[in-house]
Every structure is written in C-alpha cells, then in structure tokens.
PDB file of N, CA and C in Angstrom:
ATOM      1  N   UNK A   1     143.415 132.953   9.029  1.00  0.00           N
ATOM      2  CA  UNK A   1     143.626 133.857  10.485  1.00  0.00           C
ATOM      3  C   UNK A   1     142.444 134.974  10.618  1.00  0.00           C
ATOM      4  N   UNK A   2     141.740 135.614  11.247  1.00  0.00           N
ATOM      5  CA  UNK A   2     140.752 136.212  11.293  1.00  0.00           C
ATOM      6  C   UNK A   2     141.376 137.550  10.569  1.00  0.00           C
ATOM      7  N   UNK A   3     140.450 138.403  10.421  1.00  0.00           N
ATOM      8  CA  UNK A   3     140.868 139.576   9.690  1.00  0.00           C
ATOM      9  C   UNK A   3     140.029 140.864  10.461  1.00  0.00           C
ATOM     10  N   UNK A   4     140.577 142.446  10.907  1.00  0.00           N
ATOM     11  CA  UNK A   4     138.825 142.876  11.316  1.00  0.00           C
ATOM     12  C   UNK A   4     138.788 144.405  10.063  1.00  0.00           C
ATOM     13  N   UNK A   5     137.572 144.773   9.674  1.00  0.00           N
ATOM     14  CA  UNK A   5     137.509 145.440   8.723  1.00  0.00           C
ATOM     15  C   UNK A   5     136.852 146.715  10.224  1.00  0.00           C
ATOM     16  N   UNK A   6     137.508 148.104   9.265  1.00  0.00           N
ATOM     17  CA  UNK A   6     137.427 149.002  10.569  1.00  0.00           C
ATOM     18  C   UNK A   6     136.400 150.061   9.823  1.00  0.00           C
ATOM     19  N   UNK A   7     135.331 150.685   9.923  1.00  0.00           N
ATOM     20  CA  UNK A   7     134.915 151.903   9.330  1.00  0.00           C
ATOM     21  C   UNK A   7     135.074 152.854  10.035  1.00  0.00           C
ATOM     22  N   UNK A   8     135.475 153.544   8.993  1.00  0.00           N
ATOM     23  CA  UNK A   8     135.728 155.153   9.666  1.00  0.00           C
ATOM     24  C   UNK A   8     134.787 155.937   9.015  1.00  0.00           C
ATOM     25  N   UNK A   9     134.001 156.944   9.319  1.00  0.00           N
ATOM     26  CA  UNK A   9     132.547 158.058   9.034  1.00  0.00           C
ATOM     27  C   UNK A   9     133.610 159.604   8.976  1.00  0.00           C
ATOM     28  N   UNK A  10     133.672 160.457   7.710  1.00  0.00           N
ATOM     29  CA  UNK A  10     134.457 161.560   7.897  1.00  0.00           C
ATOM     30  C   UNK A  10     132.818 162.505   7.696  1.00  0.00           C
ATOM     31  N   UNK A  11     132.522 163.364   8.577  1.00  0.00           N
ATOM     32  CA  UNK A  11     131.412 164.051   8.933  1.00  0.00           C
ATOM     33  C   UNK A  11     131.408 165.244   8.813  1.00  0.00           C
ATOM     34  N   UNK A  12     130.626 165.994   8.123  1.00  0.00           N
ATOM     35  CA  UNK A  12     130.409 167.355   7.745  1.00  0.00           C
ATOM     36  C   UNK A  12     130.550 168.008   8.875  1.00  0.00           C
ATOM     37  N   UNK A  13     129.937 169.860   8.207  1.00  0.00           N
ATOM     38  CA  UNK A  13     129.912 170.614   9.598  1.00  0.00           C
ATOM     39  C   UNK A  13     128.996 169.888  10.251  1.00  0.00           C
ATOM     40  N   UNK A  14     127.737 169.227  10.437  1.00  0.00           N
ATOM     41  CA  UNK A  14     126.359 168.887  11.114  1.00  0.00           C
ATOM     42  C   UNK A  14     126.568 167.634  11.358  1.00  0.00           C
ATOM     43  N   UNK A  15     127.155 167.432  12.367  1.00  0.00           N
ATOM     44  CA  UNK A  15     127.569 166.437  12.979  1.00  0.00           C
ATOM     45  C   UNK A  15     126.220 165.683  14.011  1.00  0.00           C
ATOM     46  N   UNK A  16     125.245 166.457  14.058  1.00  0.00           N
ATOM     47  CA  UNK A  16     124.212 165.938  15.147  1.00  0.00           C
ATOM     48  C   UNK A  16     123.133 164.871  14.152  1.00  0.00           C
ATOM     49  N   UNK A  17     123.222 165.400  12.694  1.00  0.00           N
ATOM     50  CA  UNK A  17     121.894 164.673  12.207  1.00  0.00           C
ATOM     51  C   UNK A  17     122.621 163.859  11.666  1.00  0.00           C
ATOM     52  N   UNK A  18     124.162 163.479  11.760  1.00  0.00           N
ATOM     53  CA  UNK A  18     124.859 162.248  11.041  1.00  0.00           C
ATOM     54  C   UNK A  18     124.787 160.684  12.445  1.00  0.00           C
ATOM     55  N   UNK A  19     124.606 161.239  13.530  1.00  0.00           N
ATOM     56  CA  UNK A  19     125.039 160.839  14.715  1.00  0.00           C
ATOM     57  C   UNK A  19     123.379 159.409  14.858  1.00  0.00           C
ATOM     58  N   UNK A  20     122.712 160.024  14.427  1.00  0.00           N
ATOM     59  CA  UNK A  20     121.404 159.275  14.723  1.00  0.00           C
ATOM     60  C   UNK A  20     121.228 158.207  13.397  1.00  0.00           C
ATOM     61  N   UNK A  21     121.806 158.254  12.156  1.00  0.00           N
ATOM     62  CA  UNK A  21     122.179 157.328  10.929  1.00  0.00           C
ATOM     63  C   UNK A  21     123.201 156.547  11.104  1.00  0.00           C
ATOM     64  N   UNK A  22     124.558 157.152  11.976  1.00  0.00           N
ATOM     65  CA  UNK A  22     125.280 156.223  12.590  1.00  0.00           C
ATOM     66  C   UNK A  22     124.465 154.676  13.252  1.00  0.00           C
ATOM     67  N   UNK A  23     124.058 155.220  14.006  1.00  0.00           N
ATOM     68  CA  UNK A  23     123.522 154.298  15.135  1.00  0.00           C
ATOM     69  C   UNK A  23     122.467 153.722  14.349  1.00  0.00           C
ATOM     70  N   UNK A  24     121.688 153.838  13.374  1.00  0.00           N
ATOM     71  CA  UNK A  24     120.906 152.774  12.582  1.00  0.00           C
ATOM     72  C   UNK A  24     121.666 151.953  11.380  1.00  0.00           C
ATOM     73  N   UNK A  25     123.042 152.716  11.456  1.00  0.00           N
ATOM     74  CA  UNK A  25     123.732 151.911  10.402  1.00  0.00           C
ATOM     75  C   UNK A  25     123.915 150.863  11.418  1.00  0.00           C
ATOM     76  N   UNK A  26     124.864 150.915  12.402  1.00  0.00           N
ATOM     77  CA  UNK A  26     125.130 150.341  13.287  1.00  0.00           C
ATOM     78  C   UNK A  26     123.910 148.787  14.026  1.00  0.00           C
ATOM     79  N   UNK A  27     123.237 149.114  14.259  1.00  0.00           N
ATOM     80  CA  UNK A  27     121.832 148.375  14.083  1.00  0.00           C
ATOM     81  C   UNK A  27     121.790 147.430  13.128  1.00  0.00           C
ATOM     82  N   UNK A  28     121.831 147.893  12.044  1.00  0.00           N
ATOM     83  CA  UNK A  28     121.258 146.909  10.500  1.00  0.00           C
ATOM     84  C   UNK A  28     122.823 146.397  10.588  1.00  0.00           C
ATOM     85  N   UNK A  29     124.038 146.786  10.986  1.00  0.00           N
ATOM     86  CA  UNK A  29     125.314 145.851  10.672  1.00  0.00           C
ATOM     87  C   UNK A  29     125.425 145.154  11.758  1.00  0.00           C
ATOM     88  N   UNK A  30     124.968 144.956  12.991  1.00  0.00           N
ATOM     89  CA  UNK A  30     124.774 143.419  13.807  1.00  0.00           C
ATOM     90  C   UNK A  30     124.160 143.284  13.834  1.00  0.00           C
ATOM     91  N   UNK A  31     122.996 143.138  12.987  1.00  0.00           N
ATOM     92  CA  UNK A  31     121.855 142.295  12.168  1.00  0.00           C
ATOM     93  C   UNK A  31     122.229 141.443  11.353  1.00  0.00           C
ATOM     94  N   UNK A  32     123.384 142.417  10.342  1.00  0.00           N
ATOM     95  CA  UNK A  32     123.049 141.503   9.315  1.00  0.00           C
ATOM     96  C   UNK A  32     124.834 140.718  10.044  1.00  0.00           C
ATOM     97  N   UNK A  33     125.689 140.894  10.888  1.00  0.00           N
ATOM     98  CA  UNK A  33     126.589 140.135  11.434  1.00  0.00           C
ATOM     99  C   UNK A  33     126.108 138.732  12.003  1.00  0.00           C
ATOM    100  N   UNK A  34     124.788 139.307  12.708  1.00  0.00           N
ATOM    101  CA  UNK A  34     124.231 137.967  13.451  1.00  0.00           C
ATOM    102  C   UNK A  34     123.753 136.731  12.045  1.00  0.00           C
ATOM    103  N   UNK A  35     123.562 137.476  11.257  1.00  0.00           N
ATOM    104  CA  UNK A  35     122.813 136.698   9.941  1.00  0.00           C
ATOM    105  C   UNK A  35     123.728 135.663   9.523  1.00  0.00           C
ATOM    106  N   UNK A  36     125.230 136.279   9.421  1.00  0.00           N
ATOM    107  CA  UNK A  36     126.320 135.792   8.469  1.00  0.00           C
ATOM    108  C   UNK A  36     127.279 135.066   9.565  1.00  0.00           C
ATOM    109  N   UNK A  37     127.575 133.476   9.325  1.00  0.00           N
ATOM    110  CA  UNK A  37     128.282 133.078  10.162  1.00  0.00           C
ATOM    111  C   UNK A  37     129.766 133.229   9.975  1.00  0.00           C
ATOM    112  N   UNK A  38     130.453 134.342   8.797  1.00  0.00           N
ATOM    113  CA  UNK A  38     131.674 134.636   8.653  1.00  0.00           C
ATOM    114  C   UNK A  38     132.201 135.632   9.284  1.00  0.00           C
ATOM    115  N   UNK A  39     131.307 136.523   9.561  1.00  0.00           N
ATOM    116  CA  UNK A  39     131.746 137.581  10.317  1.00  0.00           C
ATOM    117  C   UNK A  39     131.308 137.609  11.784  1.00  0.00           C
ATOM    118  N   UNK A  40     131.526 138.698  12.327  1.00  0.00           N
ATOM    119  CA  UNK A  40     131.000 138.668  13.702  1.00  0.00           C
ATOM    120  C   UNK A  40     130.797 140.824  14.129  1.00  0.00           C
ATOM    121  N   UNK A  41     130.374 140.872  14.855  1.00  0.00           N
ATOM    122  CA  UNK A  41     130.145 142.924  15.255  1.00  0.00           C
ATOM    123  C   UNK A  41     130.117 142.679  16.612  1.00  0.00           C
ATOM    124  N   UNK A  42     130.760 143.088  18.050  1.00  0.00           N
ATOM    125  CA  UNK A  42     130.536 142.975  19.180  1.00  0.00           C
ATOM    126  C   UNK A  42     129.713 144.148  19.491  1.00  0.00           C
ATOM    127  N   UNK A  43     128.831 143.278  20.643  1.00  0.00           N
ATOM    128  CA  UNK A  43     127.665 144.536  20.999  1.00  0.00           C
ATOM    129  C   UNK A  43     128.239 145.615  21.359  1.00  0.00           C
ATOM    130  N   UNK A  44     129.750 146.146  21.914  1.00  0.00           N
ATOM    131  CA  UNK A  44     130.094 147.420  22.541  1.00  0.00           C
ATOM    132  C   UNK A  44     130.847 148.142  21.506  1.00  0.00           C
ATOM    133  N   UNK A  45     130.318 148.063  19.952  1.00  0.00           N
ATOM    134  CA  UNK A  45     130.985 148.386  19.032  1.00  0.00           C
ATOM    135  C   UNK A  45     129.368 149.117  18.334  1.00  0.00           C
ATOM    136  N   UNK A  46     128.586 148.863  18.985  1.00  0.00           N
ATOM    137  CA  UNK A  46     127.137 149.399  18.182  1.00  0.00           C
ATOM    138  C   UNK A  46     126.940 150.783  18.677  1.00  0.00           C
ATOM    139  N   UNK A  47     127.267 151.473  19.541  1.00  0.00           N
ATOM    140  CA  UNK A  47     127.652 152.782  20.093  1.00  0.00           C
ATOM    141  C   UNK A  47     128.656 153.446  19.860  1.00  0.00           C
ATOM    142  N   UNK A  48     129.585 152.903  19.297  1.00  0.00           N
ATOM    143  CA  UNK A  48     130.608 153.706  18.584  1.00  0.00           C
ATOM    144  C   UNK A  48     129.958 154.556  17.562  1.00  0.00           C
ATOM    145  N   UNK A  49     130.414 155.737  17.230  1.00  0.00           N
ATOM    146  CA  UNK A  49     130.429 156.492  15.956  1.00  0.00           C
ATOM    147  C   UNK A  49     130.948 156.462  14.606  1.00  0.00           C
ATOM    148  N   UNK A  50     132.405 156.198  14.734  1.00  0.00           N
ATOM    149  CA  UNK A  50     133.185 155.744  14.193  1.00  0.00           C
ATOM    150  C   UNK A  50     134.434 154.735  14.630  1.00  0.00           C
ATOM    151  N   UNK A  51     135.442 154.558  13.481  1.00  0.00           N
ATOM    152  CA  UNK A  51     135.716 153.058  14.336  1.00  0.00           C
ATOM    153  C   UNK A  51     135.653 152.045  14.750  1.00  0.00           C
ATOM    154  N   UNK A  52     134.222 151.540  13.708  1.00  0.00           N
ATOM    155  CA  UNK A  52     133.750 150.204  14.586  1.00  0.00           C
ATOM    156  C   UNK A  52     134.927 149.373  13.756  1.00  0.00           C
ATOM    157  N   UNK A  53     134.369 148.069  14.657  1.00  0.00           N
ATOM    158  CA  UNK A  53     135.291 146.864  13.887  1.00  0.00           C
ATOM    159  C   UNK A  53     134.473 145.793  13.776  1.00  0.00           C
ATOM    160  N   UNK A  54     134.364 145.205  12.343  1.00  0.00           N
ATOM    161  CA  UNK A  54     133.673 143.903  12.328  1.00  0.00           C
ATOM    162  C   UNK A  54     134.955 143.094  11.937  1.00  0.00           C
ATOM    163  N   UNK A  55     134.956 142.030  12.756  1.00  0.00           N
ATOM    164  CA  UNK A  55     135.311 140.776  12.390  1.00  0.00           C
ATOM    165  C   UNK A  55     134.916 139.538  11.371  1.00  0.00           C
ATOM    166  N   UNK A  56     136.173 139.353  10.660  1.00  0.00           N
ATOM    167  CA  UNK A  56     136.198 138.549   9.707  1.00  0.00           C
ATOM    168  C   UNK A  56     136.505 137.282   9.939  1.00  0.00           C
ATOM    169  N   UNK A  57     135.793 135.919  10.434  1.00  0.00           N
ATOM    170  CA  UNK A  57     136.563 134.698  10.483  1.00  0.00           C
ATOM    171  C   UNK A  57     137.399 134.253   9.848  1.00  0.00           C
ATOM    172  N   UNK A  58     137.208 134.820   8.624  1.00  0.00           N
ATOM    173  CA  UNK A  58     138.122 133.749   7.655  1.00  0.00           C
ATOM    174  C   UNK A  58     139.003 134.788   6.595  1.00  0.00           C
ATOM    175  N   UNK A  59     139.855 135.117   6.546  1.00  0.00           N
ATOM    176  CA  UNK A  59     140.816 136.089   5.320  1.00  0.00           C
ATOM    177  C   UNK A  59     140.381 135.688   4.094  1.00  0.00           C
ATOM    178  N   UNK A  60     139.791 134.119   3.833  1.00  0.00           N
ATOM    179  CA  UNK A  60     139.450 134.351   2.686  1.00  0.00           C
ATOM    180  C   UNK A  60     137.689 135.009   1.974  1.00  0.00           C
ATOM    181  N   UNK A  61     137.353 135.314   3.297  1.00  0.00           N
ATOM    182  CA  UNK A  61     135.795 135.670   3.048  1.00  0.00           C
ATOM    183  C   UNK A  61     135.739 137.112   2.949  1.00  0.00           C
ATOM    184  N   UNK A  62     137.268 137.754   3.260  1.00  0.00           N
ATOM    185  CA  UNK A  62     137.211 139.207   3.301  1.00  0.00           C
ATOM    186  C   UNK A  62     136.630 140.052   2.709  1.00  0.00           C
ATOM    187  N   UNK A  63     136.686 139.943   0.967  1.00  0.00           N
ATOM    188  CA  UNK A  63     135.787 140.086  -0.327  1.00  0.00           C
ATOM    189  C   UNK A  63     134.663 140.481   0.265  1.00  0.00           C
ATOM    190  N   UNK A  64     133.783 139.130   0.393  1.00  0.00           N
ATOM    191  CA  UNK A  64     132.729 139.138   0.229  1.00  0.00           C
ATOM    192  C   UNK A  64     131.950 139.745   1.633  1.00  0.00           C
ATOM    193  N   UNK A  65     132.728 139.720   2.642  1.00  0.00           N
ATOM    194  CA  UNK A  65     132.163 140.902   3.573  1.00  0.00           C
ATOM    195  C   UNK A  65     132.079 141.681   3.393  1.00  0.00           C
ATOM    196  N   UNK A  66     133.006 142.818   2.896  1.00  0.00           N
ATOM    197  CA  UNK A  66     133.586 144.025   2.241  1.00  0.00           C
ATOM    198  C   UNK A  66     132.601 144.454   1.584  1.00  0.00           C
ATOM    199  N   UNK A  67     132.113 143.630   0.339  1.00  0.00           N
ATOM    200  CA  UNK A  67     131.239 144.183  -0.630  1.00  0.00           C
ATOM    201  C   UNK A  67     129.968 144.218   0.423  1.00  0.00           C
ATOM    202  N   UNK A  68     129.527 143.360   1.020  1.00  0.00           N
ATOM    203  CA  UNK A  68     128.178 143.351   2.042  1.00  0.00           C
ATOM    204  C   UNK A  68     128.261 144.787   2.882  1.00  0.00           C
ATOM    205  N   UNK A  69     129.024 144.980   3.305  1.00  0.00           N
ATOM    206  CA  UNK A  69     129.385 145.889   4.055  1.00  0.00           C
ATOM    207  C   UNK A  69     129.336 147.479   3.539  1.00  0.00           C
ATOM    208  N   UNK A  70     129.702 147.470   2.538  1.00  0.00           N
ATOM    209  CA  UNK A  70     129.806 148.658   1.348  1.00  0.00           C
ATOM    210  C   UNK A  70     128.148 148.222   0.760  1.00  0.00           C
ATOM    211  N   UNK A  71     127.653 147.605   0.435  1.00  0.00           N
ATOM    212  CA  UNK A  71     126.024 147.702   0.193  1.00  0.00           C
ATOM    213  C   UNK A  71     125.440 148.340   1.212  1.00  0.00           C
ATOM    214  N   UNK A  72     125.902 147.703   2.585  1.00  0.00           N
ATOM    215  CA  UNK A  72     125.011 148.073   3.793  1.00  0.00           C
ATOM    216  C   UNK A  72     125.414 149.935   3.741  1.00  0.00           C
ATOM    217  N   UNK A  73     126.680 150.261   3.641  1.00  0.00           N
ATOM    218  CA  UNK A  73     127.040 151.781   3.749  1.00  0.00           C
ATOM    219  C   UNK A  73     126.349 152.735   2.707  1.00  0.00           C
ATOM    220  N   UNK A  74     125.675 152.262   1.406  1.00  0.00           N
ATOM    221  CA  UNK A  74     125.241 152.408   0.241  1.00  0.00           C
ATOM    222  C   UNK A  74     123.892 152.944   0.401  1.00  0.00           C
ATOM    223  N   UNK A  75     123.453 151.617   1.090  1.00  0.00           N
ATOM    224  CA  UNK A  75     121.924 151.923   1.539  1.00  0.00           C
ATOM    225  C   UNK A  75     121.238 152.984   2.853  1.00  0.00           C
ATOM    226  N   UNK A  76     122.514 152.984   3.487  1.00  0.00           N
ATOM    227  CA  UNK A  76     122.139 153.986   4.513  1.00  0.00           C
ATOM    228  C   UNK A  76     122.712 155.402   3.641  1.00  0.00           C
ATOM    229  N   UNK A  77     122.706 155.104   2.593  1.00  0.00           N
ATOM    230  CA  UNK A  77     123.440 156.951   2.415  1.00  0.00           C
ATOM    231  C   UNK A  77     124.870 157.537   2.618  1.00  0.00           C
ATOM    232  N   UNK A  78     125.778 156.287   3.193  1.00  0.00           N
ATOM    233  CA  UNK A  78     127.072 157.106   3.384  1.00  0.00           C
ATOM    234  C   UNK A  78     128.298 157.267   2.215  1.00  0.00           C
ATOM    235  N   UNK A  79     127.861 156.243   0.949  1.00  0.00           N
ATOM    236  CA  UNK A  79     128.081 156.953  -0.002  1.00  0.00           C
ATOM    237  C   UNK A  79     129.510 158.291   0.541  1.00  0.00           C
ATOM    238  N   UNK A  80     130.934 158.561   0.408  1.00  0.00           N
ATOM    239  CA  UNK A  80     131.744 159.350   0.292  1.00  0.00           C
ATOM    240  C   UNK A  80     131.924 159.805   1.884  1.00  0.00           C
ATOM    241  N   UNK A  81     131.313 159.537   2.414  1.00  0.00           N
ATOM    242  CA  UNK A  81     131.215 159.576   4.272  1.00  0.00           C
ATOM    243  C   UNK A  81     131.780 158.562   5.001  1.00  0.00           C
ATOM    244  N   UNK A  82     131.422 157.358   4.839  1.00  0.00           N
ATOM    245  CA  UNK A  82     132.303 156.139   5.455  1.00  0.00           C
ATOM    246  C   UNK A  82     133.485 155.311   4.395  1.00  0.00           C
ATOM    247  N   UNK A  83     134.513 155.038   5.232  1.00  0.00           N
ATOM    248  CA  UNK A  83     135.622 154.411   4.266  1.00  0.00           C
ATOM    249  C   UNK A  83     135.750 153.014   5.568  1.00  0.00           C
ATOM    250  N   UNK A  84     136.158 151.983   4.488  1.00  0.00           N
ATOM    251  CA  UNK A  84     136.712 151.182   5.146  1.00  0.00           C
ATOM    252  C   UNK A  84     138.184 150.511   4.844  1.00  0.00           C
ATOM    253  N   UNK A  85     138.445 150.027   6.274  1.00  0.00           N
ATOM    254  CA  UNK A  85     139.871 149.518   5.724  1.00  0.00           C
ATOM    255  C   UNK A  85     140.266 147.939   6.452  1.00  0.00           C
ATOM    256  N   UNK A  86     141.073 147.529   6.445  1.00  0.00           N
ATOM    257  CA  UNK A  86     141.694 146.090   6.915  1.00  0.00           C
ATOM    258  C   UNK A  86     142.694 146.113   7.939  1.00  0.00           C
ATOM    259  N   UNK A  87     142.653 145.565   9.204  1.00  0.00           N
ATOM    260  CA  UNK A  87     143.649 145.250  10.246  1.00  0.00           C
ATOM    261  C   UNK A  87     143.509 144.129  10.683  1.00  0.00           C
ATOM    262  N   UNK A  88     144.829 143.644  10.754  1.00  0.00           N
ATOM    263  CA  UNK A  88     144.969 142.318  11.678  1.00  0.00           C
ATOM    264  C   UNK A  88     144.108 142.754  13.079  1.00  0.00           C
ATOM    265  N   UNK A  89     143.675 142.134  13.754  1.00  0.00           N
ATOM    266  CA  UNK A  89     143.185 141.814  15.123  1.00  0.00           C
ATOM    267  C   UNK A  89     144.531 141.887  16.078  1.00  0.00           C
ATOM    268  N   UNK A  90     144.007 142.803  16.886  1.00  0.00           N
ATOM    269  CA  UNK A  90     145.430 142.431  18.054  1.00  0.00           C
ATOM    270  C   UNK A  90     145.122 141.199  18.749  1.00  0.00           C
ATOM    271  N   UNK A  91     146.909 140.740  19.109  1.00  0.00           N
ATOM    272  CA  UNK A  91     146.744 139.390  19.741  1.00  0.00           C
ATOM    273  C   UNK A  91     146.277 139.386  21.004  1.00  0.00           C
TER     274      UNK A  91
END
C-alpha cells in the first residue's frame, strides 16, 4: 500500500531568504523522484513552501526513500528546519 512522506519546514524570522532555498530543494526533489521508480513528486508540489508530499509506491521502500530525502535535506542545509512524517494517502 502506498504511503506519503510529508516535508514540513519551520522557518525563522527571515522567511524570504529561505523561500528561494526551498524552491531549489523542491526542484532537486522532483528530479530525484523522476529518477527513482519507488517514489513520485507531483508538479503541483514544486511551488509549495511547506507541506510537500512525496508518494512512496511501496510501504516496504519507505525507509529507503526517507533516507534519500533526509540526505537531500542535509545537502540543502535544512537540518533542524525540515522534518518528515508519514501519512496514509487520502482515498
């Protein structure tokens, strides 16, 4: 059964400097999802600043996909700002 990983960002007082970084992160996440057969990231999620949803096509692959997203978070300097949680997709 598919699951969704939601990425939430907790911004500080200077949100404007982070908006461009989040858009770059979303572009990288979209590219990564296109290269990985077990995850998908819809185009309508690219412009979101927080609450991005990544669909994982198999619950067995959830840990691997989460690790890849956490690595991307680290590469973009969002450690401590971004957090992941898993939800069941709406029917």
